Amino acid sequence: MRWPRSSRCGTRDGYIAHLRKGERPCDDCRRAYWRNGQGPDWAVLAKAYERALVRLSWRHREEFKALYADEVADAITAGESERRGGS
């Protein structure tokens, strides 16, 4: 499958431009991004992921609350099952 290309393709800026447009970076941009061990700073990416989750939870508050309640209920059920020796 071909991905949209920009005039900055093959550069780190091109890689970031793809992401900002919601596109999958093309092969040339991915190679440029990882060239010479200059990949992403994983701590920065982890913080960005956390911020995105917070923003998502605020935009879709009710759905997030329902999902969270389901996860809490599942965790409690799993904990009770473990205490009883079940799996």
PDB file of N, CA and C in Angstrom:
ATOM      1  N   MET A   1       0.840  -1.181   0.000  1.00  0.00           N
ATOM      2  CA  MET A   1       0.000   0.000   0.000  1.00  0.00           C
ATOM      3  C   MET A   1       0.884   1.242   0.000  1.00  0.00           C
ATOM      4  N   ARG A   2       0.542   2.202  -0.807  1.00  0.00           N
ATOM      5  CA  ARG A   2       1.306   3.446  -0.856  1.00  0.00           C
ATOM      6  C   ARG A   2       0.734   4.425   0.143  1.00  0.00           C
ATOM      7  N   TRP A   3       1.628   5.186   0.757  1.00  0.00           N
ATOM      8  CA  TRP A   3       1.220   6.184   1.736  1.00  0.00           C
ATOM      9  C   TRP A   3       1.446   7.567   1.147  1.00  0.00           C
ATOM     10  N   PRO A   4       0.650   8.537   1.575  1.00  0.00           N
ATOM     11  CA  PRO A   4       0.824   9.890   1.043  1.00  0.00           C
ATOM     12  C   PRO A   4       2.238  10.401   1.321  1.00  0.00           C
ATOM     13  N   ARG A   5       2.810  11.110   0.349  1.00  0.00           N
ATOM     14  CA  ARG A   5       4.159  11.646   0.519  1.00  0.00           C
ATOM     15  C   ARG A   5       4.081  13.168   0.518  1.00  0.00           C
ATOM     16  N   SER A   6       5.028  13.775   1.214  1.00  0.00           N
ATOM     17  CA  SER A   6       5.107  15.228   1.199  1.00  0.00           C
ATOM     18  C   SER A   6       6.485  15.611   0.678  1.00  0.00           C
ATOM     19  N   SER A   7       6.694  16.908   0.472  1.00  0.00           N
ATOM     20  CA  SER A   7       7.990  17.366  -0.025  1.00  0.00           C
ATOM     21  C   SER A   7       9.091  17.144   1.012  1.00  0.00           C
ATOM     22  N   ARG A   8       8.708  16.922   2.269  1.00  0.00           N
ATOM     23  CA  ARG A   8       9.695  16.692   3.321  1.00  0.00           C
ATOM     24  C   ARG A   8       9.980  15.210   3.537  1.00  0.00           C
ATOM     25  N   CYS A   9       9.450  14.360   2.706  1.00  0.00           N
ATOM     26  CA  CYS A   9       9.655  12.928   2.899  1.00  0.00           C
ATOM     27  C   CYS A   9      11.143  12.596   2.877  1.00  0.00           C
ATOM     28  N   GLY A  10      11.486  11.627   3.731  1.00  0.00           N
ATOM     29  CA  GLY A  10      12.873  11.221   3.843  1.00  0.00           C
ATOM     30  C   GLY A  10      13.618  11.983   4.918  1.00  0.00           C
ATOM     31  N   THR A  11      12.878  12.767   5.724  1.00  0.00           N
ATOM     32  CA  THR A  11      13.491  13.542   6.801  1.00  0.00           C
ATOM     33  C   THR A  11      12.745  13.283   8.107  1.00  0.00           C
ATOM     34  N   ARG A  12      13.388  13.657   9.220  1.00  0.00           N
ATOM     35  CA  ARG A  12      12.702  13.551  10.522  1.00  0.00           C
ATOM     36  C   ARG A  12      11.469  14.453  10.541  1.00  0.00           C
ATOM     37  N   ASP A  13      11.581  15.656   9.958  1.00  0.00           N
ATOM     38  CA  ASP A  13      10.427  16.556   9.897  1.00  0.00           C
ATOM     39  C   ASP A  13       9.288  15.935   9.098  1.00  0.00           C
ATOM     40  N   GLY A  14       9.645  15.218   8.032  1.00  0.00           N
ATOM     41  CA  GLY A  14       8.627  14.535   7.241  1.00  0.00           C
ATOM     42  C   GLY A  14       7.908  13.479   8.058  1.00  0.00           C
ATOM     43  N   TYR A  15       8.662  12.740   8.870  1.00  0.00           N
ATOM     44  CA  TYR A  15       8.088  11.715   9.747  1.00  0.00           C
ATOM     45  C   TYR A  15       7.049  12.348  10.674  1.00  0.00           C
ATOM     46  N   ILE A  16       7.431  13.452  11.308  1.00  0.00           N
ATOM     47  CA  ILE A  16       6.536  14.141  12.240  1.00  0.00           C
ATOM     48  C   ILE A  16       5.334  14.718  11.504  1.00  0.00           C
ATOM     49  N   ALA A  17       5.553  15.234  10.292  1.00  0.00           N
ATOM     50  CA  ALA A  17       4.444  15.776   9.495  1.00  0.00           C
ATOM     51  C   ALA A  17       3.415  14.692   9.194  1.00  0.00           C
ATOM     52  N   HIS A  18       3.886  13.493   8.858  1.00  0.00           N
ATOM     53  CA  HIS A  18       2.953  12.379   8.620  1.00  0.00           C
ATOM     54  C   HIS A  18       2.102  12.141   9.866  1.00  0.00           C
ATOM     55  N   LEU A  19       2.748  12.068  11.036  1.00  0.00           N
ATOM     56  CA  LEU A  19       2.019  11.789  12.275  1.00  0.00           C
ATOM     57  C   LEU A  19       0.994  12.875  12.580  1.00  0.00           C
ATOM     58  N   ARG A  20       1.374  14.115  12.376  1.00  0.00           N
ATOM     59  CA  ARG A  20       0.447  15.224  12.659  1.00  0.00           C
ATOM     60  C   ARG A  20      -0.770  15.193  11.747  1.00  0.00           C
ATOM     61  N   LYS A  21      -0.582  14.670  10.534  1.00  0.00           N
ATOM     62  CA  LYS A  21      -1.702  14.554   9.590  1.00  0.00           C
ATOM     63  C   LYS A  21      -2.520  13.289   9.838  1.00  0.00           C
ATOM     64  N   GLY A  22      -2.080  12.471  10.815  1.00  0.00           N
ATOM     65  CA  GLY A  22      -2.783  11.224  11.094  1.00  0.00           C
ATOM     66  C   GLY A  22      -2.430  10.118  10.126  1.00  0.00           C
ATOM     67  N   GLU A  23      -1.314  10.272   9.430  1.00  0.00           N
ATOM     68  CA  GLU A  23      -0.879   9.283   8.445  1.00  0.00           C
ATOM     69  C   GLU A  23       0.177   8.359   9.044  1.00  0.00           C
ATOM     70  N   ARG A  24       0.315   7.211   8.435  1.00  0.00           N
ATOM     71  CA  ARG A  24       1.421   6.313   8.767  1.00  0.00           C
ATOM     72  C   ARG A  24       2.635   6.830   8.004  1.00  0.00           C
ATOM     73  N   PRO A  25       3.766   7.100   8.700  1.00  0.00           N
ATOM     74  CA  PRO A  25       4.941   7.604   7.989  1.00  0.00           C
ATOM     75  C   PRO A  25       5.396   6.640   6.896  1.00  0.00           C
ATOM     76  N   CYS A  26       5.846   7.216   5.777  1.00  0.00           N
ATOM     77  CA  CYS A  26       6.338   6.393   4.668  1.00  0.00           C
ATOM     78  C   CYS A  26       7.682   5.768   5.057  1.00  0.00           C
ATOM     79  N   ASP A  27       8.103   4.801   4.275  1.00  0.00           N
ATOM     80  CA  ASP A  27       9.359   4.096   4.566  1.00  0.00           C
ATOM     81  C   ASP A  27      10.550   5.049   4.629  1.00  0.00           C
ATOM     82  N   ASP A  28      10.624   6.005   3.692  1.00  0.00           N
ATOM     83  CA  ASP A  28      11.748   6.943   3.685  1.00  0.00           C
ATOM     84  C   ASP A  28      11.787   7.763   4.972  1.00  0.00           C
ATOM     85  N   CYS A  29      10.639   8.205   5.437  1.00  0.00           N
ATOM     86  CA  CYS A  29      10.592   9.006   6.662  1.00  0.00           C
ATOM     87  C   CYS A  29      10.917   8.159   7.887  1.00  0.00           C
ATOM     88  N   ARG A  30      10.438   6.920   7.908  1.00  0.00           N
ATOM     89  CA  ARG A  30      10.773   6.040   9.043  1.00  0.00           C
ATOM     90  C   ARG A  30      12.267   5.788   9.098  1.00  0.00           C
ATOM     91  N   ARG A  31      12.872   5.539   7.940  1.00  0.00           N
ATOM     92  CA  ARG A  31      14.330   5.316   7.915  1.00  0.00           C
ATOM     93  C   ARG A  31      15.066   6.569   8.392  1.00  0.00           C
ATOM     94  N   ALA A  32      14.638   7.733   7.938  1.00  0.00           N
ATOM     95  CA  ALA A  32      15.297   8.980   8.349  1.00  0.00           C
ATOM     96  C   ALA A  32      15.150   9.190   9.848  1.00  0.00           C
ATOM     97  N   TYR A  33      14.003   8.846  10.384  1.00  0.00           N
ATOM     98  CA  TYR A  33      13.745   9.042  11.811  1.00  0.00           C
ATOM     99  C   TYR A  33      14.650   8.167  12.667  1.00  0.00           C
ATOM    100  N   TRP A  34      14.900   6.956  12.210  1.00  0.00           N
ATOM    101  CA  TRP A  34      15.704   6.012  12.988  1.00  0.00           C
ATOM    102  C   TRP A  34      17.185   6.041  12.630  1.00  0.00           C
ATOM    103  N   ARG A  35      17.560   6.769  11.589  1.00  0.00           N
ATOM    104  CA  ARG A  35      18.956   6.821  11.130  1.00  0.00           C
ATOM    105  C   ARG A  35      19.884   7.268  12.253  1.00  0.00           C
ATOM    106  N   ASN A  36      21.040   6.655  12.328  1.00  0.00           N
ATOM    107  CA  ASN A  36      22.073   7.014  13.305  1.00  0.00           C
ATOM    108  C   ASN A  36      21.581   6.913  14.752  1.00  0.00           C
ATOM    109  N   GLY A  37      20.682   5.986  15.009  1.00  0.00           N
ATOM    110  CA  GLY A  37      20.223   5.791  16.385  1.00  0.00           C
ATOM    111  C   GLY A  37      19.442   6.960  16.940  1.00  0.00           C
ATOM    112  N   GLN A  38      18.844   7.757  16.074  1.00  0.00           N
ATOM    113  CA  GLN A  38      18.107   8.932  16.531  1.00  0.00           C
ATOM    114  C   GLN A  38      16.620   8.648  16.629  1.00  0.00           C
ATOM    115  N   GLY A  39      16.298   7.517  17.201  1.00  0.00           N
ATOM    116  CA  GLY A  39      14.894   7.166  17.348  1.00  0.00           C
ATOM    117  C   GLY A  39      14.222   8.017  18.413  1.00  0.00           C
ATOM    118  N   PRO A  40      13.008   7.695  18.727  1.00  0.00           N
ATOM    119  CA  PRO A  40      12.251   8.502  19.685  1.00  0.00           C
ATOM    120  C   PRO A  40      12.783   8.363  21.103  1.00  0.00           C
ATOM    121  N   ASP A  41      12.554   9.379  21.894  1.00  0.00           N
ATOM    122  CA  ASP A  41      12.829   9.334  23.324  1.00  0.00           C
ATOM    123  C   ASP A  41      11.601   8.683  23.958  1.00  0.00           C
ATOM    124  N   TRP A  42      11.754   7.448  24.427  1.00  0.00           N
ATOM    125  CA  TRP A  42      10.606   6.677  24.900  1.00  0.00           C
ATOM    126  C   TRP A  42       9.906   7.323  26.081  1.00  0.00           C
ATOM    127  N   ALA A  43      10.642   8.019  26.944  1.00  0.00           N
ATOM    128  CA  ALA A  43      10.009   8.704  28.076  1.00  0.00           C
ATOM    129  C   ALA A  43       9.082   9.812  27.571  1.00  0.00           C
ATOM    130  N   VAL A  44       9.527  10.527  26.548  1.00  0.00           N
ATOM    131  CA  VAL A  44       8.697  11.590  25.971  1.00  0.00           C
ATOM    132  C   VAL A  44       7.449  10.991  25.332  1.00  0.00           C
ATOM    133  N   LEU A  45       7.614   9.871  24.624  1.00  0.00           N
ATOM    134  CA  LEU A  45       6.462   9.222  23.997  1.00  0.00           C
ATOM    135  C   LEU A  45       5.483   8.701  25.040  1.00  0.00           C
ATOM    136  N   ALA A  46       5.988   8.164  26.140  1.00  0.00           N
ATOM    137  CA  ALA A  46       5.114   7.662  27.205  1.00  0.00           C
ATOM    138  C   ALA A  46       4.292   8.805  27.806  1.00  0.00           C
ATOM    139  N   LYS A  47       4.927   9.951  28.023  1.00  0.00           N
ATOM    140  CA  LYS A  47       4.201  11.111  28.563  1.00  0.00           C
ATOM    141  C   LYS A  47       3.158  11.605  27.569  1.00  0.00           C
ATOM    142  N   ALA A  48       3.507  11.608  26.288  1.00  0.00           N
ATOM    143  CA  ALA A  48       2.557  12.035  25.261  1.00  0.00           C
ATOM    144  C   ALA A  48       1.353  11.095  25.236  1.00  0.00           C
ATOM    145  N   TYR A  49       1.606   9.799  25.383  1.00  0.00           N
ATOM    146  CA  TYR A  49       0.531   8.802  25.402  1.00  0.00           C
ATOM    147  C   TYR A  49      -0.392   9.053  26.596  1.00  0.00           C
ATOM    148  N   GLU A  50       0.200   9.300  27.766  1.00  0.00           N
ATOM    149  CA  GLU A  50      -0.604   9.573  28.958  1.00  0.00           C
ATOM    150  C   GLU A  50      -1.451  10.826  28.778  1.00  0.00           C
ATOM    151  N   ARG A  51      -0.850  11.880  28.214  1.00  0.00           N
ATOM    152  CA  ARG A  51      -1.612  13.115  27.979  1.00  0.00           C
ATOM    153  C   ARG A  51      -2.758  12.877  27.007  1.00  0.00           C
ATOM    154  N   ALA A  52      -2.507  12.069  25.972  1.00  0.00           N
ATOM    155  CA  ALA A  52      -3.563  11.765  24.999  1.00  0.00           C
ATOM    156  C   ALA A  52      -4.705  11.007  25.667  1.00  0.00           C
ATOM    157  N   LEU A  53      -4.379  10.075  26.566  1.00  0.00           N
ATOM    158  CA  LEU A  53      -5.435   9.344  27.268  1.00  0.00           C
ATOM    159  C   LEU A  53      -6.268  10.271  28.142  1.00  0.00           C
ATOM    160  N   VAL A  54      -5.622  11.206  28.819  1.00  0.00           N
ATOM    161  CA  VAL A  54      -6.351  12.167  29.657  1.00  0.00           C
ATOM    162  C   VAL A  54      -7.272  13.016  28.788  1.00  0.00           C
ATOM    163  N   ARG A  55      -6.733  13.521  27.666  1.00  0.00           N
ATOM    164  CA  ARG A  55      -7.561  14.332  26.768  1.00  0.00           C
ATOM    165  C   ARG A  55      -8.742  13.535  26.232  1.00  0.00           C
ATOM    166  N   LEU A  56      -8.495  12.276  25.874  1.00  0.00           N
ATOM    167  CA  LEU A  56      -9.556  11.413  25.373  1.00  0.00           C
ATOM    168  C   LEU A  56     -10.624  11.178  26.437  1.00  0.00           C
ATOM    169  N   SER A  57     -10.184  10.978  27.676  1.00  0.00           N
ATOM    170  CA  SER A  57     -11.140  10.740  28.765  1.00  0.00           C
ATOM    171  C   SER A  57     -12.009  11.968  29.016  1.00  0.00           C
ATOM    172  N   TRP A  58     -11.465  13.158  28.805  1.00  0.00           N
ATOM    173  CA  TRP A  58     -12.254  14.374  28.975  1.00  0.00           C
ATOM    174  C   TRP A  58     -13.223  14.583  27.816  1.00  0.00           C
ATOM    175  N   ARG A  59     -12.813  14.250  26.626  1.00  0.00           N
ATOM    176  CA  ARG A  59     -13.693  14.436  25.468  1.00  0.00           C
ATOM    177  C   ARG A  59     -14.848  13.441  25.457  1.00  0.00           C
ATOM    178  N   HIS A  60     -14.614  12.267  26.010  1.00  0.00           N
ATOM    179  CA  HIS A  60     -15.635  11.209  26.009  1.00  0.00           C
ATOM    180  C   HIS A  60     -15.859  10.743  27.445  1.00  0.00           C
ATOM    181  N   ARG A  61     -16.227  11.698  28.310  1.00  0.00           N
ATOM    182  CA  ARG A  61     -16.330  11.466  29.743  1.00  0.00           C
ATOM    183  C   ARG A  61     -17.220  10.290  30.114  1.00  0.00           C
ATOM    184  N   GLU A  62     -18.415  10.274  29.598  1.00  0.00           N
ATOM    185  CA  GLU A  62     -19.379   9.239  29.995  1.00  0.00           C
ATOM    186  C   GLU A  62     -18.912   7.850  29.560  1.00  0.00           C
ATOM    187  N   GLU A  63     -18.422   7.745  28.347  1.00  0.00           N
ATOM    188  CA  GLU A  63     -17.923   6.458  27.868  1.00  0.00           C
ATOM    189  C   GLU A  63     -16.719   6.012  28.697  1.00  0.00           C
ATOM    190  N   PHE A  64     -15.834   6.952  29.033  1.00  0.00           N
ATOM    191  CA  PHE A  64     -14.669   6.628  29.847  1.00  0.00           C
ATOM    192  C   PHE A  64     -15.100   6.126  31.225  1.00  0.00           C
ATOM    193  N   LYS A  65     -16.070   6.798  31.839  1.00  0.00           N
ATOM    194  CA  LYS A  65     -16.554   6.381  33.165  1.00  0.00           C
ATOM    195  C   LYS A  65     -17.109   4.957  33.113  1.00  0.00           C
ATOM    196  N   ALA A  66     -17.854   4.659  32.057  1.00  0.00           N
ATOM    197  CA  ALA A  66     -18.428   3.314  31.920  1.00  0.00           C
ATOM    198  C   ALA A  66     -17.328   2.271  31.730  1.00  0.00           C
ATOM    199  N   LEU A  67     -16.350   2.563  30.885  1.00  0.00           N
ATOM    200  CA  LEU A  67     -15.236   1.631  30.681  1.00  0.00           C
ATOM    201  C   LEU A  67     -14.449   1.426  31.966  1.00  0.00           C
ATOM    202  N   TYR A  68     -14.210   2.515  32.686  1.00  0.00           N
ATOM    203  CA  TYR A  68     -13.468   2.431  33.944  1.00  0.00           C
ATOM    204  C   TYR A  68     -14.235   1.582  34.960  1.00  0.00           C
ATOM    205  N   ALA A  69     -15.527   1.789  35.052  1.00  0.00           N
ATOM    206  CA  ALA A  69     -16.347   1.003  35.979  1.00  0.00           C
ATOM    207  C   ALA A  69     -16.289  -0.483  35.627  1.00  0.00           C
ATOM    208  N   ASP A  70     -16.337  -0.809  34.343  1.00  0.00           N
ATOM    209  CA  ASP A  70     -16.217  -2.212  33.913  1.00  0.00           C
ATOM    210  C   ASP A  70     -14.873  -2.800  34.321  1.00  0.00           C
ATOM    211  N   GLU A  71     -13.804  -2.028  34.119  1.00  0.00           N
ATOM    212  CA  GLU A  71     -12.474  -2.517  34.465  1.00  0.00           C
ATOM    213  C   GLU A  71     -12.320  -2.712  35.966  1.00  0.00           C
ATOM    214  N   VAL A  72     -12.874  -1.804  36.755  1.00  0.00           N
ATOM    215  CA  VAL A  72     -12.816  -1.943  38.211  1.00  0.00           C
ATOM    216  C   VAL A  72     -13.582  -3.191  38.641  1.00  0.00           C
ATOM    217  N   ALA A  73     -14.764  -3.392  38.076  1.00  0.00           N
ATOM    218  CA  ALA A  73     -15.558  -4.575  38.417  1.00  0.00           C
ATOM    219  C   ALA A  73     -14.809  -5.856  38.048  1.00  0.00           C
ATOM    220  N   ASP A  74     -14.186  -5.871  36.879  1.00  0.00           N
ATOM    221  CA  ASP A  74     -13.407  -7.043  36.466  1.00  0.00           C
ATOM    222  C   ASP A  74     -12.230  -7.285  37.398  1.00  0.00           C
ATOM    223  N   ALA A  75     -11.556  -6.202  37.801  1.00  0.00           N
ATOM    224  CA  ALA A  75     -10.405  -6.339  38.704  1.00  0.00           C
ATOM    225  C   ALA A  75     -10.842  -6.881  40.059  1.00  0.00           C
ATOM    226  N   ILE A  76     -11.974  -6.399  40.557  1.00  0.00           N
ATOM    227  CA  ILE A  76     -12.479  -6.874  41.847  1.00  0.00           C
ATOM    228  C   ILE A  76     -12.861  -8.342  41.749  1.00  0.00           C
ATOM    229  N   THR A  77     -13.544  -8.706  40.672  1.00  0.00           N
ATOM    230  CA  THR A  77     -13.936 -10.100  40.466  1.00  0.00           C
ATOM    231  C   THR A  77     -12.709 -10.996  40.370  1.00  0.00           C
ATOM    232  N   ALA A  78     -11.687 -10.567  39.635  1.00  0.00           N
ATOM    233  CA  ALA A  78     -10.454 -11.351  39.504  1.00  0.00           C
ATOM    234  C   ALA A  78      -9.775 -11.477  40.838  1.00  0.00           C
ATOM    235  N   GLY A  79      -9.757 -10.415  41.656  1.00  0.00           N
ATOM    236  CA  GLY A  79      -9.145 -10.467  42.970  1.00  0.00           C
ATOM    237  C   GLY A  79      -9.850 -11.430  43.897  1.00  0.00           C
ATOM    238  N   GLU A  80     -11.174 -11.446  43.851  1.00  0.00           N
ATOM    239  CA  GLU A  80     -11.943 -12.373  44.683  1.00  0.00           C
ATOM    240  C   GLU A  80     -11.683 -13.811  44.251  1.00  0.00           C
ATOM    241  N   SER A  81     -11.598 -14.010  42.943  1.00  0.00           N
ATOM    242  CA  SER A  81     -11.345 -15.340  42.412  1.00  0.00           C
ATOM    243  C   SER A  81      -9.972 -15.842  42.864  1.00  0.00           C
ATOM    244  N   GLU A  82      -8.961 -14.970  42.847  1.00  0.00           N
ATOM    245  CA  GLU A  82      -7.613 -15.348  43.279  1.00  0.00           C
ATOM    246  C   GLU A  82      -7.583 -15.682  44.755  1.00  0.00           C
ATOM    247  N   ARG A  83      -8.327 -14.931  45.569  1.00  0.00           N
ATOM    248  CA  ARG A  83      -8.355 -15.186  47.013  1.00  0.00           C
ATOM    249  C   ARG A  83      -8.981 -16.540  47.318  1.00  0.00           C
ATOM    250  N   ARG A  84      -9.935 -16.960  46.476  1.00  0.00           N
ATOM    251  CA  ARG A  84     -10.597 -18.254  46.662  1.00  0.00           C
ATOM    252  C   ARG A  84      -9.791 -19.399  46.045  1.00  0.00           C
ATOM    253  N   GLY A  85      -8.717 -19.054  45.362  1.00  0.00           N
ATOM    254  CA  GLY A  85      -7.903 -20.109  44.744  1.00  0.00           C
ATOM    255  C   GLY A  85      -8.339 -20.472  43.356  1.00  0.00           C
ATOM    256  N   GLY A  86      -9.228 -19.706  42.778  1.00  0.00           N
ATOM    257  CA  GLY A  86      -9.690 -19.971  41.400  1.00  0.00           C
ATOM    258  C   GLY A  86      -8.782 -19.312  40.405  1.00  0.00           C
ATOM    259  N   SER A  87      -9.113 -19.514  39.111  1.00  0.00           N
ATOM    260  CA  SER A  87      -8.304 -18.868  38.071  1.00  0.00           C
ATOM    261  C   SER A  87      -9.117 -17.966  37.228  1.00  0.00           C
TER     262      SER A  87
END
